[in-house]
N, C-alpha and C. Protein backbone atom coordinates (compact mmCIF):
# COMPACT_ATOMS: atom_id res chain seq x y z
N UNK A 1 11.90 -20.54 6.71
CA UNK A 1 11.93 -21.42 7.86
C UNK A 1 12.30 -20.62 9.11
N UNK A 2 11.52 -20.81 10.16
CA UNK A 2 11.78 -20.11 11.42
C UNK A 2 12.93 -20.77 12.17
N UNK A 3 13.69 -19.97 12.89
CA UNK A 3 14.74 -20.49 13.75
C UNK A 3 14.24 -20.46 15.18
N UNK A 4 14.29 -21.61 15.82
CA UNK A 4 13.85 -21.74 17.19
C UNK A 4 15.02 -22.16 18.07
N UNK A 5 15.05 -21.65 19.28
CA UNK A 5 15.98 -22.11 20.31
C UNK A 5 15.19 -23.02 21.24
N UNK A 6 15.73 -24.19 21.51
CA UNK A 6 15.06 -25.17 22.36
C UNK A 6 15.83 -25.32 23.66
N UNK A 7 15.11 -25.28 24.76
CA UNK A 7 15.73 -25.40 26.08
C UNK A 7 15.05 -26.51 26.86
N UNK A 8 15.85 -27.44 27.36
CA UNK A 8 15.35 -28.47 28.28
C UNK A 8 15.70 -27.99 29.68
N UNK A 9 14.68 -27.85 30.52
CA UNK A 9 14.85 -27.25 31.85
C UNK A 9 14.39 -28.24 32.91
N UNK A 10 15.11 -28.28 34.02
CA UNK A 10 14.73 -29.11 35.16
C UNK A 10 14.55 -28.21 36.38
N UNK A 11 13.43 -28.36 37.06
CA UNK A 11 13.15 -27.61 38.29
C UNK A 11 12.93 -28.59 39.43
N UNK A 12 13.30 -28.16 40.64
CA UNK A 12 13.09 -28.97 41.83
C UNK A 12 12.11 -28.32 42.79
N UNK A 13 11.18 -29.10 43.29
CA UNK A 13 10.19 -28.63 44.26
C UNK A 13 10.58 -29.16 45.62
N UNK A 14 11.09 -28.26 46.48
CA UNK A 14 11.48 -28.63 47.84
C UNK A 14 10.58 -27.89 48.80
N UNK A 15 9.83 -28.64 49.60
CA UNK A 15 8.94 -28.05 50.60
C UNK A 15 9.64 -28.02 51.95
N UNK A 16 9.21 -27.08 52.79
CA UNK A 16 9.74 -27.04 54.16
C UNK A 16 9.19 -28.23 54.94
N UNK A 17 9.65 -28.42 56.16
CA UNK A 17 9.27 -29.58 56.97
C UNK A 17 7.77 -29.64 57.22
N UNK A 18 7.11 -28.50 57.33
CA UNK A 18 5.66 -28.47 57.57
C UNK A 18 4.86 -28.56 56.27
N UNK A 19 5.55 -28.56 55.12
CA UNK A 19 4.94 -28.58 53.79
C UNK A 19 3.99 -27.40 53.59
N UNK A 20 4.38 -26.25 54.13
CA UNK A 20 3.59 -25.02 53.99
C UNK A 20 4.30 -23.97 53.14
N UNK A 21 5.57 -24.24 52.79
CA UNK A 21 6.35 -23.28 52.00
C UNK A 21 7.23 -24.04 51.02
N UNK A 22 7.52 -23.39 49.90
CA UNK A 22 8.33 -24.00 48.85
C UNK A 22 9.56 -23.12 48.61
N UNK A 23 10.69 -23.75 48.32
CA UNK A 23 11.92 -23.02 48.08
C UNK A 23 11.90 -22.40 46.69
N UNK A 24 12.13 -21.08 46.62
CA UNK A 24 12.22 -20.34 45.36
C UNK A 24 13.55 -19.61 45.31
N UNK A 25 13.99 -19.31 44.08
CA UNK A 25 15.16 -18.47 43.88
C UNK A 25 14.72 -17.22 43.12
N UNK A 26 15.27 -16.09 43.51
CA UNK A 26 15.03 -14.82 42.82
C UNK A 26 16.21 -14.55 41.91
N UNK A 27 15.95 -14.53 40.61
CA UNK A 27 17.01 -14.35 39.61
C UNK A 27 17.05 -12.91 39.12
N UNK A 28 18.26 -12.41 38.92
CA UNK A 28 18.46 -11.09 38.32
C UNK A 28 18.16 -11.19 36.83
N UNK A 29 17.47 -10.18 36.31
CA UNK A 29 17.14 -10.12 34.90
C UNK A 29 17.81 -8.88 34.33
N UNK A 30 18.57 -9.07 33.26
CA UNK A 30 19.26 -7.95 32.63
C UNK A 30 18.24 -6.90 32.21
N UNK A 31 18.50 -5.64 32.60
CA UNK A 31 17.63 -4.54 32.22
C UNK A 31 16.43 -4.34 33.13
N UNK A 32 16.35 -5.09 34.23
CA UNK A 32 15.22 -4.96 35.15
C UNK A 32 15.73 -4.95 36.58
N UNK A 33 15.05 -4.16 37.42
CA UNK A 33 15.40 -4.16 38.84
C UNK A 33 14.59 -5.20 39.61
N UNK A 34 13.56 -5.76 38.95
CA UNK A 34 12.73 -6.79 39.57
C UNK A 34 13.39 -8.15 39.46
N UNK A 35 13.18 -8.99 40.46
CA UNK A 35 13.67 -10.36 40.42
C UNK A 35 12.65 -11.24 39.71
N UNK A 36 13.14 -12.25 39.00
CA UNK A 36 12.29 -13.27 38.40
C UNK A 36 12.37 -14.48 39.33
N UNK A 37 11.25 -14.78 39.99
CA UNK A 37 11.21 -15.87 40.96
C UNK A 37 10.83 -17.16 40.25
N UNK A 38 11.58 -18.22 40.53
CA UNK A 38 11.32 -19.54 39.97
C UNK A 38 11.70 -20.60 40.98
N UNK A 39 11.39 -21.83 40.64
CA UNK A 39 11.91 -22.96 41.39
C UNK A 39 13.40 -23.08 41.09
N UNK A 40 14.19 -23.59 42.02
CA UNK A 40 15.60 -23.83 41.72
C UNK A 40 15.73 -24.84 40.58
N UNK A 41 16.67 -24.60 39.73
CA UNK A 41 16.91 -25.49 38.59
C UNK A 41 17.39 -24.69 37.41
N UNK A 42 17.42 -25.32 36.27
CA UNK A 42 17.87 -24.61 35.09
C UNK A 42 18.01 -25.51 33.89
N UNK A 43 18.68 -24.98 32.88
CA UNK A 43 18.81 -25.65 31.59
C UNK A 43 19.79 -26.81 31.65
N UNK A 44 19.41 -27.88 30.95
CA UNK A 44 20.32 -29.00 30.78
C UNK A 44 21.37 -28.62 29.74
N UNK A 45 22.58 -29.03 29.99
CA UNK A 45 23.66 -28.80 29.03
C UNK A 45 23.60 -29.86 27.94
N UNK A 46 24.29 -29.64 26.84
CA UNK A 46 24.31 -30.59 25.73
C UNK A 46 24.74 -31.96 26.26
N UNK A 47 23.94 -32.97 25.95
CA UNK A 47 24.25 -34.33 26.37
C UNK A 47 23.88 -34.67 27.80
N UNK A 48 23.40 -33.71 28.56
CA UNK A 48 23.05 -33.92 29.98
C UNK A 48 21.56 -34.24 30.09
N UNK A 49 21.22 -35.28 30.84
CA UNK A 49 19.80 -35.56 31.04
C UNK A 49 19.22 -34.60 32.08
N UNK A 50 17.90 -34.50 32.11
CA UNK A 50 17.27 -33.50 32.98
C UNK A 50 17.44 -33.80 34.46
N UNK A 51 17.57 -35.06 34.84
CA UNK A 51 17.78 -35.38 36.26
C UNK A 51 19.17 -34.92 36.69
N UNK A 52 20.16 -35.13 35.85
CA UNK A 52 21.51 -34.64 36.17
C UNK A 52 21.51 -33.11 36.21
N UNK A 53 20.80 -32.48 35.28
CA UNK A 53 20.69 -31.02 35.28
C UNK A 53 20.02 -30.53 36.56
N UNK A 54 18.99 -31.24 36.98
CA UNK A 54 18.27 -30.86 38.21
C UNK A 54 19.21 -30.84 39.41
N UNK A 55 19.94 -31.91 39.63
CA UNK A 55 20.79 -31.97 40.82
C UNK A 55 21.93 -30.96 40.73
N UNK A 56 22.51 -30.78 39.54
CA UNK A 56 23.60 -29.82 39.37
C UNK A 56 23.10 -28.40 39.58
N UNK A 57 22.03 -28.02 38.89
CA UNK A 57 21.51 -26.65 38.97
C UNK A 57 20.99 -26.34 40.37
N UNK A 58 20.30 -27.29 41.01
CA UNK A 58 19.77 -27.06 42.35
C UNK A 58 20.92 -26.75 43.31
N UNK A 59 22.00 -27.52 43.21
CA UNK A 59 23.16 -27.30 44.06
C UNK A 59 23.80 -25.95 43.79
N UNK A 60 23.97 -25.60 42.51
CA UNK A 60 24.58 -24.32 42.16
C UNK A 60 23.76 -23.14 42.69
N UNK A 61 22.43 -23.26 42.62
CA UNK A 61 21.56 -22.13 42.96
C UNK A 61 21.20 -22.04 44.43
N UNK A 62 21.36 -23.13 45.19
CA UNK A 62 20.94 -23.11 46.59
C UNK A 62 22.00 -23.62 47.56
N UNK A 63 23.01 -24.33 47.05
CA UNK A 63 24.00 -24.95 47.92
C UNK A 63 23.52 -26.26 48.53
N UNK A 64 22.31 -26.70 48.19
CA UNK A 64 21.73 -27.92 48.75
C UNK A 64 21.85 -29.07 47.77
N UNK A 65 22.13 -30.25 48.31
CA UNK A 65 22.18 -31.48 47.51
C UNK A 65 20.83 -32.16 47.61
N UNK A 66 20.22 -32.45 46.45
CA UNK A 66 18.90 -33.08 46.44
C UNK A 66 18.89 -34.30 45.52
N UNK A 67 17.86 -35.10 45.71
CA UNK A 67 17.58 -36.23 44.83
C UNK A 67 16.10 -36.16 44.44
N UNK A 68 15.78 -36.49 43.19
CA UNK A 68 14.38 -36.45 42.79
C UNK A 68 13.58 -37.58 43.43
N UNK A 69 12.35 -37.25 43.83
CA UNK A 69 11.43 -38.25 44.36
C UNK A 69 10.46 -38.72 43.28
N UNK A 70 9.87 -37.76 42.58
CA UNK A 70 8.87 -38.10 41.56
C UNK A 70 8.70 -36.91 40.61
N UNK A 71 8.30 -37.23 39.39
CA UNK A 71 7.98 -36.19 38.43
C UNK A 71 6.67 -35.53 38.86
N UNK A 72 6.68 -34.21 38.98
CA UNK A 72 5.47 -33.47 39.37
C UNK A 72 4.67 -33.04 38.15
N UNK A 73 5.35 -32.49 37.14
CA UNK A 73 4.69 -32.06 35.91
C UNK A 73 5.72 -31.77 34.83
N UNK A 74 5.23 -31.68 33.61
CA UNK A 74 6.03 -31.24 32.47
C UNK A 74 5.28 -30.07 31.86
N UNK A 75 5.99 -28.98 31.60
CA UNK A 75 5.38 -27.80 31.00
C UNK A 75 6.16 -27.42 29.74
N UNK A 76 5.45 -27.34 28.64
CA UNK A 76 6.03 -26.91 27.37
C UNK A 76 5.52 -25.50 27.11
N UNK A 77 6.44 -24.56 27.05
CA UNK A 77 6.07 -23.16 26.85
C UNK A 77 6.80 -22.61 25.63
N UNK A 78 6.03 -22.01 24.73
CA UNK A 78 6.59 -21.52 23.46
C UNK A 78 6.40 -20.01 23.36
N UNK A 79 7.23 -19.42 22.56
CA UNK A 79 7.03 -18.03 22.14
C UNK A 79 7.46 -17.93 20.69
N UNK A 80 6.49 -17.82 19.78
CA UNK A 80 6.80 -17.67 18.36
C UNK A 80 7.53 -16.35 18.13
N UNK A 81 7.14 -15.31 18.85
CA UNK A 81 7.78 -14.00 18.68
C UNK A 81 9.26 -14.04 19.05
N UNK A 82 9.59 -14.76 20.11
CA UNK A 82 10.98 -14.85 20.56
C UNK A 82 11.71 -16.04 19.92
N UNK A 83 10.95 -16.96 19.32
CA UNK A 83 11.57 -18.14 18.72
C UNK A 83 12.16 -19.07 19.76
N UNK A 84 11.47 -19.19 20.90
CA UNK A 84 11.99 -20.03 21.99
C UNK A 84 10.96 -21.06 22.40
N UNK A 85 11.45 -22.24 22.76
CA UNK A 85 10.62 -23.30 23.30
C UNK A 85 11.31 -23.84 24.54
N UNK A 86 10.60 -23.82 25.66
CA UNK A 86 11.11 -24.34 26.92
C UNK A 86 10.32 -25.60 27.27
N UNK A 87 11.01 -26.69 27.48
CA UNK A 87 10.40 -27.92 27.96
C UNK A 87 10.91 -28.13 29.38
N UNK A 88 10.04 -27.90 30.35
CA UNK A 88 10.43 -27.95 31.75
C UNK A 88 9.88 -29.20 32.42
N UNK A 89 10.77 -29.95 33.04
CA UNK A 89 10.39 -31.11 33.84
C UNK A 89 10.60 -30.71 35.30
N UNK A 90 9.53 -30.73 36.08
CA UNK A 90 9.61 -30.36 37.49
C UNK A 90 9.47 -31.62 38.34
N UNK A 91 10.38 -31.77 39.29
CA UNK A 91 10.41 -32.94 40.16
C UNK A 91 10.27 -32.52 41.61
N UNK A 92 9.50 -33.29 42.36
CA UNK A 92 9.54 -33.16 43.81
C UNK A 92 10.89 -33.73 44.24
N UNK A 93 11.59 -33.02 45.12
CA UNK A 93 12.92 -33.46 45.54
C UNK A 93 12.99 -33.59 47.05
N UNK A 94 14.00 -34.32 47.48
CA UNK A 94 14.28 -34.46 48.91
C UNK A 94 15.74 -34.07 49.14
N UNK A 95 16.01 -33.56 50.31
CA UNK A 95 17.38 -33.23 50.69
C UNK A 95 18.16 -34.52 50.95
N UNK A 96 19.38 -34.59 50.44
CA UNK A 96 20.23 -35.74 50.75
C UNK A 96 20.71 -35.67 52.19
N UNK A 97 20.89 -34.45 52.71
CA UNK A 97 21.24 -34.24 54.10
C UNK A 97 20.09 -33.46 54.74
N UNK A 98 19.15 -34.15 55.39
CA UNK A 98 17.98 -33.47 55.95
C UNK A 98 18.31 -32.36 56.94
N UNK A 99 19.50 -32.36 57.49
CA UNK A 99 19.91 -31.32 58.43
C UNK A 99 20.47 -30.08 57.75
N UNK A 100 20.67 -30.14 56.44
CA UNK A 100 21.24 -28.99 55.72
C UNK A 100 20.20 -27.87 55.62
N UNK A 101 20.59 -26.70 56.10
CA UNK A 101 19.66 -25.56 56.05
C UNK A 101 20.32 -24.29 55.55
N UNK A 102 21.62 -24.34 55.29
CA UNK A 102 22.36 -23.16 54.89
C UNK A 102 22.19 -22.91 53.39
N UNK A 103 21.32 -21.95 53.03
CA UNK A 103 21.11 -21.61 51.64
C UNK A 103 22.21 -20.67 51.17
N UNK A 104 22.85 -21.02 50.05
CA UNK A 104 23.88 -20.15 49.47
C UNK A 104 23.85 -20.36 47.96
N UNK A 105 24.16 -19.32 47.26
CA UNK A 105 24.06 -19.37 45.80
C UNK A 105 25.30 -18.82 45.12
N UNK A 106 26.40 -18.69 45.86
CA UNK A 106 27.60 -18.16 45.23
C UNK A 106 28.25 -19.14 44.25
N UNK A 107 27.80 -20.41 44.24
CA UNK A 107 28.33 -21.38 43.28
C UNK A 107 27.64 -21.28 41.92
N UNK A 108 26.64 -20.42 41.81
CA UNK A 108 25.92 -20.24 40.55
C UNK A 108 26.88 -19.63 39.53
N UNK A 109 27.31 -20.39 38.49
CA UNK A 109 28.32 -19.87 37.57
C UNK A 109 27.87 -18.63 36.80
N UNK A 110 26.58 -18.49 36.58
CA UNK A 110 26.09 -17.31 35.85
C UNK A 110 25.81 -16.13 36.77
N UNK A 111 25.91 -16.35 38.08
CA UNK A 111 25.64 -15.30 39.07
C UNK A 111 24.27 -14.67 38.86
N UNK A 112 23.31 -15.49 38.44
CA UNK A 112 21.96 -14.99 38.19
C UNK A 112 21.13 -14.93 39.47
N UNK A 113 21.38 -15.84 40.42
CA UNK A 113 20.57 -15.91 41.63
C UNK A 113 20.98 -14.79 42.59
N UNK A 114 19.99 -14.00 43.00
CA UNK A 114 20.23 -12.93 43.96
C UNK A 114 19.84 -13.35 45.37
N UNK A 115 18.87 -14.27 45.48
CA UNK A 115 18.38 -14.70 46.78
C UNK A 115 17.64 -16.03 46.63
N UNK A 116 17.65 -16.82 47.69
CA UNK A 116 16.87 -18.06 47.76
C UNK A 116 16.13 -18.04 49.09
N UNK A 117 14.86 -18.42 49.06
CA UNK A 117 14.09 -18.43 50.32
C UNK A 117 12.87 -19.32 50.19
N UNK A 118 12.42 -19.80 51.34
CA UNK A 118 11.16 -20.54 51.39
C UNK A 118 10.02 -19.52 51.39
N UNK A 119 9.06 -19.73 50.50
CA UNK A 119 7.92 -18.83 50.34
C UNK A 119 6.66 -19.60 50.69
N UNK A 120 5.79 -19.04 51.53
CA UNK A 120 4.53 -19.72 51.85
C UNK A 120 3.75 -20.05 50.58
N UNK A 121 3.22 -21.24 50.52
CA UNK A 121 2.46 -21.67 49.34
C UNK A 121 1.33 -20.69 49.05
N UNK A 122 0.68 -20.17 50.08
CA UNK A 122 -0.42 -19.22 49.89
C UNK A 122 0.03 -17.92 49.22
N UNK A 123 1.32 -17.61 49.25
CA UNK A 123 1.83 -16.36 48.69
C UNK A 123 2.47 -16.53 47.31
N UNK A 124 2.45 -17.73 46.76
CA UNK A 124 3.17 -18.00 45.51
C UNK A 124 2.73 -17.11 44.35
N UNK A 125 1.45 -16.84 44.22
CA UNK A 125 0.96 -16.03 43.09
C UNK A 125 1.64 -14.66 43.06
N UNK A 126 1.95 -14.10 44.21
CA UNK A 126 2.64 -12.82 44.26
C UNK A 126 4.09 -12.91 43.82
N UNK A 127 4.68 -14.09 43.90
CA UNK A 127 6.07 -14.29 43.48
C UNK A 127 6.16 -14.77 42.03
N UNK A 128 5.22 -15.63 41.64
CA UNK A 128 5.26 -16.22 40.29
C UNK A 128 3.93 -15.93 39.59
N UNK A 129 3.77 -14.73 39.05
CA UNK A 129 2.49 -14.40 38.40
C UNK A 129 2.31 -15.03 37.02
N UNK A 130 3.40 -15.43 36.37
CA UNK A 130 3.33 -16.02 35.03
C UNK A 130 2.62 -17.36 35.07
N UNK A 131 1.62 -17.53 34.22
CA UNK A 131 0.89 -18.80 34.18
C UNK A 131 1.78 -19.97 33.83
N UNK A 132 2.69 -19.80 32.89
CA UNK A 132 3.51 -20.93 32.45
C UNK A 132 4.46 -21.41 33.54
N UNK A 133 4.80 -20.55 34.49
CA UNK A 133 5.63 -20.97 35.62
C UNK A 133 4.78 -21.31 36.85
N UNK A 134 3.77 -20.51 37.10
CA UNK A 134 3.02 -20.64 38.35
C UNK A 134 1.86 -21.61 38.35
N UNK A 135 1.14 -21.72 37.24
CA UNK A 135 -0.06 -22.56 37.22
C UNK A 135 0.25 -24.05 37.43
N UNK A 136 1.22 -24.62 36.72
CA UNK A 136 1.52 -26.04 36.98
C UNK A 136 1.99 -26.29 38.42
N UNK A 137 2.78 -25.36 38.96
CA UNK A 137 3.25 -25.51 40.34
C UNK A 137 2.09 -25.43 41.32
N UNK A 138 1.21 -24.46 41.14
CA UNK A 138 0.06 -24.31 42.04
C UNK A 138 -0.83 -25.55 41.99
N UNK A 139 -1.07 -26.07 40.79
CA UNK A 139 -1.92 -27.27 40.66
C UNK A 139 -1.26 -28.47 41.33
N UNK A 140 0.05 -28.61 41.15
CA UNK A 140 0.76 -29.72 41.80
C UNK A 140 0.67 -29.59 43.32
N UNK A 141 0.94 -28.41 43.84
CA UNK A 141 0.93 -28.22 45.29
C UNK A 141 -0.45 -28.40 45.90
N UNK A 142 -1.49 -28.17 45.12
CA UNK A 142 -2.86 -28.37 45.61
C UNK A 142 -3.18 -29.86 45.77
N UNK A 143 -2.51 -30.72 44.98
CA UNK A 143 -2.77 -32.16 45.05
C UNK A 143 -1.52 -32.93 44.64
N UNK A 144 -0.51 -32.98 45.52
CA UNK A 144 0.75 -33.64 45.16
C UNK A 144 0.62 -35.13 44.86
N UNK A 145 -0.45 -35.77 45.30
CA UNK A 145 -0.62 -37.20 45.06
C UNK A 145 -1.21 -37.49 43.68
N UNK A 146 -1.70 -36.47 42.99
CA UNK A 146 -2.29 -36.66 41.66
C UNK A 146 -1.19 -37.05 40.67
N UNK A 147 -1.57 -37.77 39.61
CA UNK A 147 -0.56 -38.12 38.60
C UNK A 147 0.07 -36.87 37.99
N UNK A 148 1.31 -37.01 37.54
CA UNK A 148 1.99 -35.89 36.88
C UNK A 148 1.18 -35.46 35.65
N UNK A 149 1.19 -34.16 35.38
CA UNK A 149 0.45 -33.62 34.24
C UNK A 149 1.40 -32.99 33.25
N UNK A 150 0.93 -32.96 32.00
CA UNK A 150 1.63 -32.26 30.94
C UNK A 150 0.86 -30.98 30.64
N UNK A 151 1.57 -29.87 30.59
CA UNK A 151 0.97 -28.57 30.32
C UNK A 151 1.55 -28.02 29.02
N UNK A 152 0.71 -27.39 28.21
CA UNK A 152 1.17 -26.74 26.99
C UNK A 152 0.75 -25.28 27.03
N UNK A 153 1.71 -24.41 26.88
CA UNK A 153 1.48 -22.97 26.80
C UNK A 153 1.94 -22.53 25.41
N UNK A 154 1.00 -22.40 24.44
CA UNK A 154 1.38 -22.07 23.07
C UNK A 154 2.07 -20.71 22.95
N UNK A 155 1.79 -19.83 23.88
CA UNK A 155 2.46 -18.52 23.92
C UNK A 155 2.69 -18.19 25.38
N UNK A 156 3.93 -18.36 25.86
CA UNK A 156 4.16 -18.25 27.30
C UNK A 156 3.97 -16.86 27.86
N UNK A 157 3.90 -15.86 27.01
CA UNK A 157 3.66 -14.51 27.50
C UNK A 157 2.17 -14.25 27.73
N UNK A 158 1.32 -15.19 27.30
CA UNK A 158 -0.13 -15.03 27.43
C UNK A 158 -0.65 -15.85 28.59
N UNK A 159 -1.56 -15.27 29.34
CA UNK A 159 -2.20 -16.03 30.44
C UNK A 159 -3.44 -16.79 29.96
N UNK A 160 -3.85 -16.55 28.72
CA UNK A 160 -5.12 -17.09 28.25
C UNK A 160 -5.03 -18.48 27.66
N UNK A 161 -3.99 -18.79 26.93
CA UNK A 161 -3.95 -20.04 26.17
C UNK A 161 -3.05 -21.07 26.82
N UNK A 162 -3.65 -22.13 27.32
CA UNK A 162 -2.88 -23.25 27.83
C UNK A 162 -3.78 -24.46 27.84
N UNK A 163 -3.21 -25.62 27.88
CA UNK A 163 -3.97 -26.85 28.03
C UNK A 163 -3.18 -27.78 28.91
N UNK A 164 -3.85 -28.77 29.47
CA UNK A 164 -3.21 -29.75 30.32
C UNK A 164 -3.77 -31.12 30.02
N UNK A 165 -2.94 -32.12 30.22
CA UNK A 165 -3.35 -33.51 30.01
C UNK A 165 -3.02 -34.27 31.26
């Protein structure tokens, strides 16, 4: 019997006022000098629902208080080699204080976040090349009014195999 680690992850999609850029965080990766860019958010703790995880993690990683507006997509990404399964729920979010602009990440208990910044939507592929992270986000940003989609990445290290519903 294989042993799998399961992670429930919540991400927040916050656009700038002109809706031309999205807030990303650059995370430090052990053993690498490159940053791993993602949407702000993270893993739900035991017994914590993903919406609570979203607001807690977003605040820890950016210093901003947000509330979810709508589910944007769900992405299930697996790696049989690593024995990991990530179920990510991404939500469009709004700032609770629209005047808040001071990004800070020193409240991140894991000290993983090195930087947070708004990145032009047109430049996202250069920041998030991984299909399992970037493709659902790009599709959502291309048509935010479309119904939320479910994405399956049977092997998250591969760019070839995925499906959407």
